[in-house]
Amino acid sequence: MRSYTIRLLAALALMCAACAAQAVITCTVPTSGGFTTAYAGATGTLLNITQGTVTFSCTRSVGGDPLTVLLRANNGANALGVQNRARLGATGNYLNYDGHKNSTCTSLWTSLVVGDFMTINLAAVVGVAQPISVNFWGCVPAGQAAVAGTYTDTVSMRVRNNTNTNNLSPTGTFAVSITVPASCTIAAPAPSPLTINYTAFQPAPATGSTLGSATCTNNLPYELSLDVYIAVSPVSNLQYSLNIDGTAGKVSKRGNGGAQGYTINVSMPAGQAGKCSSGSCSGTQMHTIYVTY
């Protein structure tokens, strides 16, 4: 009878040891509103940075459970290798971005490298769901010549144990939405002032030109035009004509995300008498260049 009791106690001890070994941390699905931003960084030098938040809860089963877990986020549905990318609809146009653990975009999070996961600290309590809320930052590098429109992506997240050997939660996702607005700007400063010297009845036209540039969203059609193409100086009564890139009318172009040059030409026809109240006179006439898109 005594030997039977010893065997029974030994079996119970082994069973209890197995129960302790099977205890695990359980976590709820990580959820996030992701991040949404407007991007006009093709002509800038600064990162586009937007904050997001992830929430979930974890419960420690026994006192021996670890006090940390890992939060992993992948490279998204449109990744190229390890680079997260948002996609414009069903097109072949993409914008690079990453998720980071800090607001200076120097600590990568959206990665399958264990060292990039977020480490989450838990309190030393058992059987209580611990609510967790952590921030991340979506970072879109400047200088990407993107077509106008809304670029989207979906990133998957999971809570993992602190040795990255087991999932502690179901898979959660967050959405990424990056809108590239259609835009065109005339570079500052505007084209340099143009000086034309003219002598009454001169036999050849007096001409001159000045340079400018416009920066428009990649692949965006736009037009450049002037307020007038034939004008008369109110001071000298001399007629002159203007054009852009040799065209006396609207000039059609297509943006490439960078500065695109244009030339404003001026020609004052030969043989004009002009009219000055003295032997010579000068005047200034302002003109406006328009960009339409």
C-alpha atoms as a PDB file:
ATOM      1  CA  MET A   1       0.000   0.000   0.000  1.00  0.00           C
ATOM      2  CA  ARG A   2       2.807   2.425   0.804  1.00  0.00           C
ATOM      3  CA  SER A   3       4.517   1.937  -2.562  1.00  0.00           C
ATOM      4  CA  TYR A   4       1.225   2.660  -4.373  1.00  0.00           C
ATOM      5  CA  THR A   5       0.855   5.972  -2.491  1.00  0.00           C
ATOM      6  CA  ILE A   6       4.367   7.043  -3.424  1.00  0.00           C
ATOM      7  CA  ARG A   7       3.762   6.285  -7.085  1.00  0.00           C
ATOM      8  CA  LEU A   8       0.492   8.236  -7.027  1.00  0.00           C
ATOM      9  CA  LEU A   9       2.114  11.273  -5.428  1.00  0.00           C
ATOM     10  CA  ALA A  10       4.937  11.129  -7.966  1.00  0.00           C
ATOM     11  CA  ALA A  11       2.421  11.049 -10.821  1.00  0.00           C
ATOM     12  CA  LEU A  12       0.554  14.031  -9.378  1.00  0.00           C
ATOM     13  CA  ALA A  13       3.797  15.964  -9.067  1.00  0.00           C
ATOM     14  CA  LEU A  14       4.669  15.257 -12.674  1.00  0.00           C
ATOM     15  CA  MET A  15       1.219  16.317 -13.800  1.00  0.00           C
ATOM     16  CA  CYS A  16       1.463  19.592 -11.892  1.00  0.00           C
ATOM     17  CA  ALA A  17       4.896  20.262 -13.328  1.00  0.00           C
ATOM     18  CA  ALA A  18       3.459  19.771 -16.819  1.00  0.00           C
ATOM     19  CA  CYS A  19       0.623  22.214 -16.026  1.00  0.00           C
ATOM     20  CA  ALA A  20       3.111  24.879 -14.990  1.00  0.00           C
ATOM     21  CA  ALA A  21       5.133  24.361 -18.153  1.00  0.00           C
ATOM     22  CA  GLN A  22       2.055  24.827 -20.352  1.00  0.00           C
ATOM     23  CA  ALA A  23       1.026  28.183 -18.788  1.00  0.00           C
ATOM     24  CA  VAL A  24       1.249  31.009 -21.354  1.00  0.00           C
ATOM     25  CA  ILE A  25       0.556  34.712 -21.716  1.00  0.00           C
ATOM     26  CA  THR A  26      -2.569  35.405 -23.765  1.00  0.00           C
ATOM     27  CA  CYS A  27      -3.150  38.652 -25.652  1.00  0.00           C
ATOM     28  CA  THR A  28      -6.035  40.155 -27.596  1.00  0.00           C
ATOM     29  CA  VAL A  29      -5.870  41.153 -31.256  1.00  0.00           C
ATOM     30  CA  PRO A  30      -3.761  44.321 -31.670  1.00  0.00           C
ATOM     31  CA  THR A  31      -5.872  47.066 -33.255  1.00  0.00           C
ATOM     32  CA  SER A  32      -4.979  50.432 -34.747  1.00  0.00           C
ATOM     33  CA  GLY A  33      -6.488  53.176 -36.856  1.00  0.00           C
ATOM     34  CA  GLY A  34      -3.223  53.188 -38.816  1.00  0.00           C
ATOM     35  CA  PHE A  35      -2.203  56.520 -40.235  1.00  0.00           C
ATOM     36  CA  THR A  36      -3.509  58.889 -42.892  1.00  0.00           C
ATOM     37  CA  THR A  37      -1.514  61.756 -44.311  1.00  0.00           C
ATOM     38  CA  ALA A  38      -1.191  64.135 -47.267  1.00  0.00           C
ATOM     39  CA  TYR A  39       2.151  64.022 -49.048  1.00  0.00           C
ATOM     40  CA  ALA A  40       3.684  66.837 -51.021  1.00  0.00           C
ATOM     41  CA  GLY A  41       7.282  65.877 -50.421  1.00  0.00           C
ATOM     42  CA  ALA A  42       8.447  65.599 -54.021  1.00  0.00           C
ATOM     43  CA  THR A  43       9.927  69.101 -53.851  1.00  0.00           C
ATOM     44  CA  GLY A  44      10.857  69.154 -50.159  1.00  0.00           C
ATOM     45  CA  THR A  45      13.676  67.787 -48.053  1.00  0.00           C
ATOM     46  CA  LEU A  46      11.733  66.852 -44.896  1.00  0.00           C
ATOM     47  CA  LEU A  47      10.150  63.552 -43.897  1.00  0.00           C
ATOM     48  CA  ASN A  48       6.370  63.378 -43.744  1.00  0.00           C
ATOM     49  CA  ILE A  49       5.712  62.082 -40.204  1.00  0.00           C
ATOM     50  CA  THR A  50       2.327  60.952 -38.822  1.00  0.00           C
ATOM     51  CA  GLN A  51       1.614  59.369 -35.442  1.00  0.00           C
ATOM     52  CA  GLY A  52      -0.488  56.234 -34.983  1.00  0.00           C
ATOM     53  CA  THR A  53      -1.498  54.138 -31.961  1.00  0.00           C
ATOM     54  CA  VAL A  54      -1.832  50.393 -31.326  1.00  0.00           C
ATOM     55  CA  THR A  55      -3.957  48.967 -28.501  1.00  0.00           C
ATOM     56  CA  PHE A  56      -4.381  45.456 -27.094  1.00  0.00           C
ATOM     57  CA  SER A  57      -4.292  43.657 -23.730  1.00  0.00           C
ATOM     58  CA  CYS A  58      -2.281  40.766 -22.301  1.00  0.00           C
ATOM     59  CA  THR A  59      -2.899  38.433 -19.361  1.00  0.00           C
ATOM     60  CA  ARG A  60      -0.174  36.581 -17.465  1.00  0.00           C
ATOM     61  CA  SER A  61      -1.353  33.118 -16.343  1.00  0.00           C
ATOM     62  CA  VAL A  62       1.160  32.316 -13.601  1.00  0.00           C
ATOM     63  CA  GLY A  63       3.816  34.139 -11.626  1.00  0.00           C
ATOM     64  CA  GLY A  64       6.580  32.579 -13.678  1.00  0.00           C
ATOM     65  CA  ASP A  65       5.365  34.091 -16.951  1.00  0.00           C
ATOM     66  CA  PRO A  66       7.736  36.646 -18.528  1.00  0.00           C
ATOM     67  CA  LEU A  67       7.246  40.363 -17.871  1.00  0.00           C
ATOM     68  CA  THR A  68       7.745  41.363 -21.512  1.00  0.00           C
ATOM     69  CA  VAL A  69       6.159  40.566 -24.888  1.00  0.00           C
ATOM     70  CA  LEU A  70       7.013  41.658 -28.426  1.00  0.00           C
ATOM     71  CA  LEU A  71       4.805  43.553 -30.878  1.00  0.00           C
ATOM     72  CA  ARG A  72       5.654  42.784 -34.500  1.00  0.00           C
ATOM     73  CA  ALA A  73       4.490  44.578 -37.658  1.00  0.00           C
ATOM     74  CA  ASN A  74       5.354  43.349 -41.148  1.00  0.00           C
ATOM     75  CA  ASN A  75       6.317  45.127 -44.370  1.00  0.00           C
ATOM     76  CA  GLY A  76       2.754  45.409 -45.640  1.00  0.00           C
ATOM     77  CA  ALA A  77       0.833  43.991 -48.588  1.00  0.00           C
ATOM     78  CA  ASN A  78       2.780  45.921 -51.247  1.00  0.00           C
ATOM     79  CA  ALA A  79       6.329  45.455 -49.990  1.00  0.00           C
ATOM     80  CA  LEU A  80       9.328  45.352 -52.270  1.00  0.00           C
ATOM     81  CA  GLY A  81      11.733  43.169 -50.328  1.00  0.00           C
ATOM     82  CA  VAL A  82      11.863  44.761 -46.879  1.00  0.00           C
ATOM     83  CA  GLN A  83      10.594  48.158 -48.065  1.00  0.00           C
ATOM     84  CA  ASN A  84       7.027  49.095 -47.119  1.00  0.00           C
ATOM     85  CA  ARG A  85       5.144  50.651 -50.028  1.00  0.00           C
ATOM     86  CA  ALA A  86       1.682  52.133 -50.483  1.00  0.00           C
ATOM     87  CA  ARG A  87       0.045  51.586 -53.873  1.00  0.00           C
ATOM     88  CA  LEU A  88      -2.108  53.848 -56.035  1.00  0.00           C
ATOM     89  CA  GLY A  89      -5.168  51.691 -56.773  1.00  0.00           C
ATOM     90  CA  ALA A  90      -4.353  48.861 -59.177  1.00  0.00           C
ATOM     91  CA  THR A  91      -1.602  50.846 -60.904  1.00  0.00           C
ATOM     92  CA  GLY A  92       2.140  50.342 -60.847  1.00  0.00           C
ATOM     93  CA  ASN A  93       2.650  53.570 -58.878  1.00  0.00           C
ATOM     94  CA  TYR A  94       3.996  53.269 -55.334  1.00  0.00           C
ATOM     95  CA  LEU A  95       5.180  55.449 -52.438  1.00  0.00           C
ATOM     96  CA  ASN A  96       7.826  54.217 -50.002  1.00  0.00           C
ATOM     97  CA  TYR A  97       7.149  54.556 -46.278  1.00  0.00           C
ATOM     98  CA  ASP A  98       8.060  52.845 -42.999  1.00  0.00           C
ATOM     99  CA  GLY A  99       6.676  52.548 -39.479  1.00  0.00           C
ATOM    100  CA  HIS A 100       9.005  53.626 -36.692  1.00  0.00           C
ATOM    101  CA  LYS A 101       9.046  53.414 -32.913  1.00  0.00           C
ATOM    102  CA  ASN A 102      10.074  57.061 -32.510  1.00  0.00           C
ATOM    103  CA  SER A 103       9.005  60.427 -33.927  1.00  0.00           C
ATOM    104  CA  THR A 104      12.393  61.096 -35.535  1.00  0.00           C
ATOM    105  CA  CYS A 105      12.018  58.022 -37.774  1.00  0.00           C
ATOM    106  CA  THR A 106      15.299  56.474 -36.703  1.00  0.00           C
ATOM    107  CA  SER A 107      13.997  53.319 -34.978  1.00  0.00           C
ATOM    108  CA  LEU A 108      12.349  50.968 -37.468  1.00  0.00           C
ATOM    109  CA  TRP A 109       9.297  48.953 -36.398  1.00  0.00           C
ATOM    110  CA  THR A 110       7.723  47.559 -39.609  1.00  0.00           C
ATOM    111  CA  SER A 111      10.223  44.754 -40.030  1.00  0.00           C
ATOM    112  CA  LEU A 112      10.532  40.994 -39.548  1.00  0.00           C
ATOM    113  CA  VAL A 113      13.890  41.431 -37.815  1.00  0.00           C
ATOM    114  CA  VAL A 114      13.439  40.608 -34.114  1.00  0.00           C
ATOM    115  CA  GLY A 115      15.583  43.532 -33.018  1.00  0.00           C
ATOM    116  CA  ASP A 116      13.098  45.930 -34.641  1.00  0.00           C
ATOM    117  CA  PHE A 117      10.016  44.656 -32.766  1.00  0.00           C
ATOM    118  CA  MET A 118       8.513  46.753 -29.977  1.00  0.00           C
ATOM    119  CA  THR A 119       9.254  45.426 -26.488  1.00  0.00           C
ATOM    120  CA  ILE A 120       6.182  45.769 -24.245  1.00  0.00           C
ATOM    121  CA  ASN A 121       6.566  45.649 -20.461  1.00  0.00           C
ATOM    122  CA  LEU A 122       3.939  43.901 -18.323  1.00  0.00           C
ATOM    123  CA  ALA A 123       3.150  44.316 -14.634  1.00  0.00           C
ATOM    124  CA  ALA A 124       3.907  41.400 -12.270  1.00  0.00           C
ATOM    125  CA  VAL A 125       0.250  40.477 -11.790  1.00  0.00           C
ATOM    126  CA  VAL A 126      -1.519  37.241 -12.658  1.00  0.00           C
ATOM    127  CA  GLY A 127      -4.956  36.630 -14.136  1.00  0.00           C
ATOM    128  CA  VAL A 128      -5.635  40.290 -14.919  1.00  0.00           C
ATOM    129  CA  ALA A 129      -5.943  41.665 -18.457  1.00  0.00           C
ATOM    130  CA  GLN A 130      -3.417  44.472 -18.767  1.00  0.00           C
ATOM    131  CA  PRO A 131      -4.470  47.188 -21.284  1.00  0.00           C
ATOM    132  CA  ILE A 132      -1.633  48.344 -23.515  1.00  0.00           C
ATOM    133  CA  SER A 133      -1.460  51.410 -25.768  1.00  0.00           C
ATOM    134  CA  VAL A 134       1.694  52.230 -27.722  1.00  0.00           C
ATOM    135  CA  ASN A 135       2.484  54.845 -30.349  1.00  0.00           C
ATOM    136  CA  PHE A 136       4.238  54.479 -33.656  1.00  0.00           C
ATOM    137  CA  TRP A 137       5.075  56.920 -36.435  1.00  0.00           C
ATOM    138  CA  GLY A 138       4.481  56.546 -40.158  1.00  0.00           C
ATOM    139  CA  CYS A 139       7.395  58.099 -42.041  1.00  0.00           C
ATOM    140  CA  VAL A 140       7.285  58.946 -45.770  1.00  0.00           C
ATOM    141  CA  PRO A 141      10.648  60.050 -47.227  1.00  0.00           C
ATOM    142  CA  ALA A 142      10.802  63.322 -49.142  1.00  0.00           C
ATOM    143  CA  GLY A 143      11.768  63.573 -52.792  1.00  0.00           C
ATOM    144  CA  GLN A 144       9.462  60.901 -54.227  1.00  0.00           C
ATOM    145  CA  ALA A 145       8.039  62.065 -57.574  1.00  0.00           C
ATOM    146  CA  ALA A 146       4.593  60.547 -57.147  1.00  0.00           C
ATOM    147  CA  VAL A 147       1.520  60.701 -59.371  1.00  0.00           C
ATOM    148  CA  ALA A 148      -1.451  62.497 -57.754  1.00  0.00           C
ATOM    149  CA  GLY A 149      -3.959  60.253 -55.959  1.00  0.00           C
ATOM    150  CA  THR A 150      -4.431  58.186 -52.803  1.00  0.00           C
ATOM    151  CA  TYR A 151      -1.929  55.419 -52.037  1.00  0.00           C
ATOM    152  CA  THR A 152      -2.919  52.651 -49.613  1.00  0.00           C
ATOM    153  CA  ASP A 153      -1.437  49.653 -47.848  1.00  0.00           C
ATOM    154  CA  THR A 154      -2.336  47.132 -45.124  1.00  0.00           C
ATOM    155  CA  VAL A 155       0.165  46.133 -42.432  1.00  0.00           C
ATOM    156  CA  SER A 156      -0.239  42.973 -40.293  1.00  0.00           C
ATOM    157  CA  MET A 157       0.605  42.874 -36.569  1.00  0.00           C
ATOM    158  CA  ARG A 158       0.948  40.152 -33.942  1.00  0.00           C
ATOM    159  CA  VAL A 159       1.966  39.945 -30.311  1.00  0.00           C
ATOM    160  CA  ARG A 160       4.800  37.426 -29.866  1.00  0.00           C
ATOM    161  CA  ASN A 161       6.475  35.949 -26.803  1.00  0.00           C
ATOM    162  CA  ASN A 162       9.734  37.547 -25.731  1.00  0.00           C
ATOM    163  CA  THR A 163      11.847  34.855 -27.393  1.00  0.00           C
ATOM    164  CA  ASN A 164       9.899  35.213 -30.682  1.00  0.00           C
ATOM    165  CA  THR A 165       8.999  31.524 -30.775  1.00  0.00           C
ATOM    166  CA  ASN A 166       5.204  31.722 -30.340  1.00  0.00           C
ATOM    167  CA  ASN A 167       2.270  33.929 -31.258  1.00  0.00           C
ATOM    168  CA  LEU A 168       0.401  35.270 -28.230  1.00  0.00           C
ATOM    169  CA  SER A 169      -2.409  36.940 -30.187  1.00  0.00           C
ATOM    170  CA  PRO A 170      -4.410  36.567 -33.406  1.00  0.00           C
ATOM    171  CA  THR A 171      -3.274  38.696 -36.354  1.00  0.00           C
ATOM    172  CA  GLY A 172      -4.366  42.328 -36.413  1.00  0.00           C
ATOM    173  CA  THR A 173      -3.976  44.871 -39.211  1.00  0.00           C
ATOM    174  CA  PHE A 174      -3.804  48.604 -39.711  1.00  0.00           C
ATOM    175  CA  ALA A 175      -4.424  50.706 -42.806  1.00  0.00           C
ATOM    176  CA  VAL A 176      -2.070  53.202 -44.411  1.00  0.00           C
ATOM    177  CA  SER A 177      -3.470  56.017 -46.581  1.00  0.00           C
ATOM    178  CA  ILE A 178      -1.209  58.612 -48.224  1.00  0.00           C
ATOM    179  CA  THR A 179      -2.787  61.232 -50.479  1.00  0.00           C
ATOM    180  CA  VAL A 180      -0.664  63.046 -53.048  1.00  0.00           C
ATOM    181  CA  PRO A 181      -2.490  66.240 -54.079  1.00  0.00           C
ATOM    182  CA  ALA A 182      -2.212  67.623 -57.587  1.00  0.00           C
ATOM    183  CA  SER A 183      -0.115  70.786 -57.365  1.00  0.00           C
ATOM    184  CA  CYS A 184       1.890  73.217 -59.469  1.00  0.00           C
ATOM    185  CA  THR A 185       4.019  76.133 -58.358  1.00  0.00           C
ATOM    186  CA  ILE A 186       6.044  78.795 -60.124  1.00  0.00           C
ATOM    187  CA  ALA A 187       9.483  78.777 -58.606  1.00  0.00           C
ATOM    188  CA  ALA A 188      10.471  81.726 -56.451  1.00  0.00           C
ATOM    189  CA  PRO A 189      11.985  84.084 -57.257  1.00  0.00           C
ATOM    190  CA  ALA A 190       9.993  84.748 -60.431  1.00  0.00           C
ATOM    191  CA  PRO A 191      11.800  85.162 -63.778  1.00  0.00           C
ATOM    192  CA  SER A 192      14.363  87.967 -63.626  1.00  0.00           C
ATOM    193  CA  PRO A 193      13.386  91.428 -64.920  1.00  0.00           C
ATOM    194  CA  LEU A 194      14.108  91.855 -68.607  1.00  0.00           C
ATOM    195  CA  THR A 195      15.606  95.087 -70.008  1.00  0.00           C
ATOM    196  CA  ILE A 196      15.137  96.026 -73.671  1.00  0.00           C
ATOM    197  CA  ASN A 197      17.089  98.955 -75.166  1.00  0.00           C
ATOM    198  CA  TYR A 198      15.629 100.468 -78.313  1.00  0.00           C
ATOM    199  CA  THR A 199      16.629 103.293 -80.644  1.00  0.00           C
ATOM    200  CA  ALA A 200      13.935 104.986 -82.724  1.00  0.00           C
ATOM    201  CA  PHE A 201      13.638 103.555 -86.249  1.00  0.00           C
ATOM    202  CA  GLN A 202      16.344 100.998 -85.633  1.00  0.00           C
ATOM    203  CA  PRO A 203      16.583  98.512 -88.518  1.00  0.00           C
ATOM    204  CA  ALA A 204      16.456  95.300 -86.480  1.00  0.00           C
ATOM    205  CA  PRO A 205      14.159  94.096 -83.737  1.00  0.00           C
ATOM    206  CA  ALA A 206      15.295  94.409 -80.136  1.00  0.00           C
ATOM    207  CA  THR A 207      14.977  91.082 -78.330  1.00  0.00           C
ATOM    208  CA  GLY A 208      15.591  89.528 -74.949  1.00  0.00           C
ATOM    209  CA  SER A 209      14.652  86.545 -72.824  1.00  0.00           C
ATOM    210  CA  THR A 210      14.435  85.466 -69.199  1.00  0.00           C
ATOM    211  CA  LEU A 211      14.246  82.032 -67.575  1.00  0.00           C
ATOM    212  CA  GLY A 212      11.840  80.561 -65.036  1.00  0.00           C
ATOM    213  CA  SER A 213      10.737  77.179 -63.751  1.00  0.00           C
ATOM    214  CA  ALA A 214       7.577  75.404 -62.623  1.00  0.00           C
ATOM    215  CA  THR A 215       7.314  72.372 -60.353  1.00  0.00           C
ATOM    216  CA  CYS A 216       4.266  70.142 -60.788  1.00  0.00           C
ATOM    217  CA  THR A 217       3.161  66.751 -59.504  1.00  0.00           C
ATOM    218  CA  ASN A 218       4.570  63.831 -61.478  1.00  0.00           C
ATOM    219  CA  ASN A 219       2.622  63.088 -64.683  1.00  0.00           C
ATOM    220  CA  LEU A 220       0.235  66.025 -64.070  1.00  0.00           C
ATOM    221  CA  PRO A 221      -0.727  67.929 -67.275  1.00  0.00           C
ATOM    222  CA  TYR A 222      -0.457  71.706 -66.906  1.00  0.00           C
ATOM    223  CA  GLU A 223      -0.376  74.866 -69.022  1.00  0.00           C
ATOM    224  CA  LEU A 224       1.700  78.021 -68.830  1.00  0.00           C
ATOM    225  CA  SER A 225       0.318  81.289 -70.203  1.00  0.00           C
ATOM    226  CA  LEU A 226       0.885  85.053 -70.045  1.00  0.00           C
ATOM    227  CA  ASP A 227      -1.546  87.870 -69.353  1.00  0.00           C
ATOM    228  CA  VAL A 228      -0.906  89.352 -72.856  1.00  0.00           C
ATOM    229  CA  TYR A 229       1.143  88.491 -75.923  1.00  0.00           C
ATOM    230  CA  ILE A 230       1.121  91.913 -77.665  1.00  0.00           C
ATOM    231  CA  ALA A 231       1.618  95.052 -75.597  1.00  0.00           C
ATOM    232  CA  VAL A 232       2.548  98.742 -75.957  1.00  0.00           C
ATOM    233  CA  SER A 233       4.725 100.644 -73.516  1.00  0.00           C
ATOM    234  CA  PRO A 234       2.674 103.580 -72.163  1.00  0.00           C
ATOM    235  CA  VAL A 235       5.837 105.643 -71.705  1.00  0.00           C
ATOM    236  CA  SER A 236       7.627 105.105 -75.034  1.00  0.00           C
ATOM    237  CA  ASN A 237       4.665 104.040 -77.176  1.00  0.00           C
ATOM    238  CA  LEU A 238       6.745 101.144 -78.477  1.00  0.00           C
ATOM    239  CA  GLN A 239       4.979  97.894 -79.309  1.00  0.00           C
ATOM    240  CA  TYR A 240       6.438  94.540 -78.304  1.00  0.00           C
ATOM    241  CA  SER A 241       5.438  90.879 -78.273  1.00  0.00           C
ATOM    242  CA  LEU A 242       5.902  88.112 -75.712  1.00  0.00           C
ATOM    243  CA  ASN A 243       5.885  84.320 -75.863  1.00  0.00           C
ATOM    244  CA  ILE A 244       6.749  81.282 -73.773  1.00  0.00           C
ATOM    245  CA  ASP A 245       9.204  78.832 -75.334  1.00  0.00           C
ATOM    246  CA  GLY A 246       8.514  80.389 -78.741  1.00  0.00           C
ATOM    247  CA  THR A 247       4.712  79.968 -78.513  1.00  0.00           C
ATOM    248  CA  ALA A 248       2.457  83.033 -78.425  1.00  0.00           C
ATOM    249  CA  GLY A 249      -0.266  81.276 -76.451  1.00  0.00           C
ATOM    250  CA  LYS A 250      -0.722  78.542 -73.897  1.00  0.00           C
ATOM    251  CA  VAL A 251       2.139  76.075 -73.581  1.00  0.00           C
ATOM    252  CA  SER A 252       1.212  72.533 -72.530  1.00  0.00           C
ATOM    253  CA  LYS A 253       3.568  70.518 -70.341  1.00  0.00           C
ATOM    254  CA  ARG A 254       3.481  67.464 -68.077  1.00  0.00           C
ATOM    255  CA  GLY A 255       4.975  67.506 -64.597  1.00  0.00           C
ATOM    256  CA  ASN A 256       7.762  65.201 -63.488  1.00  0.00           C
ATOM    257  CA  GLY A 257       7.841  66.089 -59.797  1.00  0.00           C
ATOM    258  CA  GLY A 258      10.865  68.338 -60.262  1.00  0.00           C
ATOM    259  CA  ALA A 259      11.570  71.840 -61.552  1.00  0.00           C
ATOM    260  CA  GLN A 260      10.900  72.231 -65.289  1.00  0.00           C
ATOM    261  CA  GLY A 261      12.338  75.261 -67.043  1.00  0.00           C
ATOM    262  CA  TYR A 262      10.656  77.646 -69.465  1.00  0.00           C
ATOM    263  CA  THR A 263      11.795  80.757 -71.357  1.00  0.00           C
ATOM    264  CA  ILE A 264       9.906  84.026 -71.744  1.00  0.00           C
ATOM    265  CA  ASN A 265      10.944  85.798 -74.960  1.00  0.00           C
ATOM    266  CA  VAL A 266      10.339  89.476 -75.791  1.00  0.00           C
ATOM    267  CA  SER A 267      10.677  91.097 -79.236  1.00  0.00           C
ATOM    268  CA  MET A 268      10.277  94.790 -80.086  1.00  0.00           C
ATOM    269  CA  PRO A 269       9.798  95.151 -83.876  1.00  0.00           C
ATOM    270  CA  ALA A 270      12.180  97.305 -85.967  1.00  0.00           C
ATOM    271  CA  GLY A 271      11.305 100.691 -87.459  1.00  0.00           C
ATOM    272  CA  GLN A 272       9.204 102.135 -84.628  1.00  0.00           C
ATOM    273  CA  ALA A 273       9.381 105.873 -83.951  1.00  0.00           C
ATOM    274  CA  GLY A 274       8.329 105.696 -80.335  1.00  0.00           C
ATOM    275  CA  LYS A 275       7.404 108.783 -78.318  1.00  0.00           C
ATOM    276  CA  CYS A 276       9.408 110.335 -75.502  1.00  0.00           C
ATOM    277  CA  SER A 277       8.918 113.729 -73.882  1.00  0.00           C
ATOM    278  CA  SER A 278      12.704 114.196 -73.976  1.00  0.00           C
ATOM    279  CA  GLY A 279      15.615 112.730 -75.877  1.00  0.00           C
ATOM    280  CA  SER A 280      15.262 109.405 -74.043  1.00  0.00           C
ATOM    281  CA  CYS A 281      12.806 107.765 -71.708  1.00  0.00           C
ATOM    282  CA  SER A 282      12.312 104.520 -69.810  1.00  0.00           C
ATOM    283  CA  GLY A 283       9.377 102.715 -68.324  1.00  0.00           C
ATOM    284  CA  THR A 284       8.466  99.501 -66.548  1.00  0.00           C
ATOM    285  CA  GLN A 285       5.639  97.188 -67.562  1.00  0.00           C
ATOM    286  CA  MET A 286       4.613  94.296 -65.321  1.00  0.00           C
ATOM    287  CA  HIS A 287       3.364  91.004 -66.779  1.00  0.00           C
ATOM    288  CA  THR A 288       1.887  87.904 -65.156  1.00  0.00           C
ATOM    289  CA  ILE A 289       2.570  84.251 -65.911  1.00  0.00           C
ATOM    290  CA  TYR A 290      -0.145  81.742 -65.071  1.00  0.00           C
ATOM    291  CA  VAL A 291       0.021  78.007 -64.420  1.00  0.00           C
ATOM    292  CA  THR A 292      -3.200  76.063 -64.956  1.00  0.00           C
ATOM    293  CA  TYR A 293      -3.698  72.396 -64.014  1.00  0.00           C
END
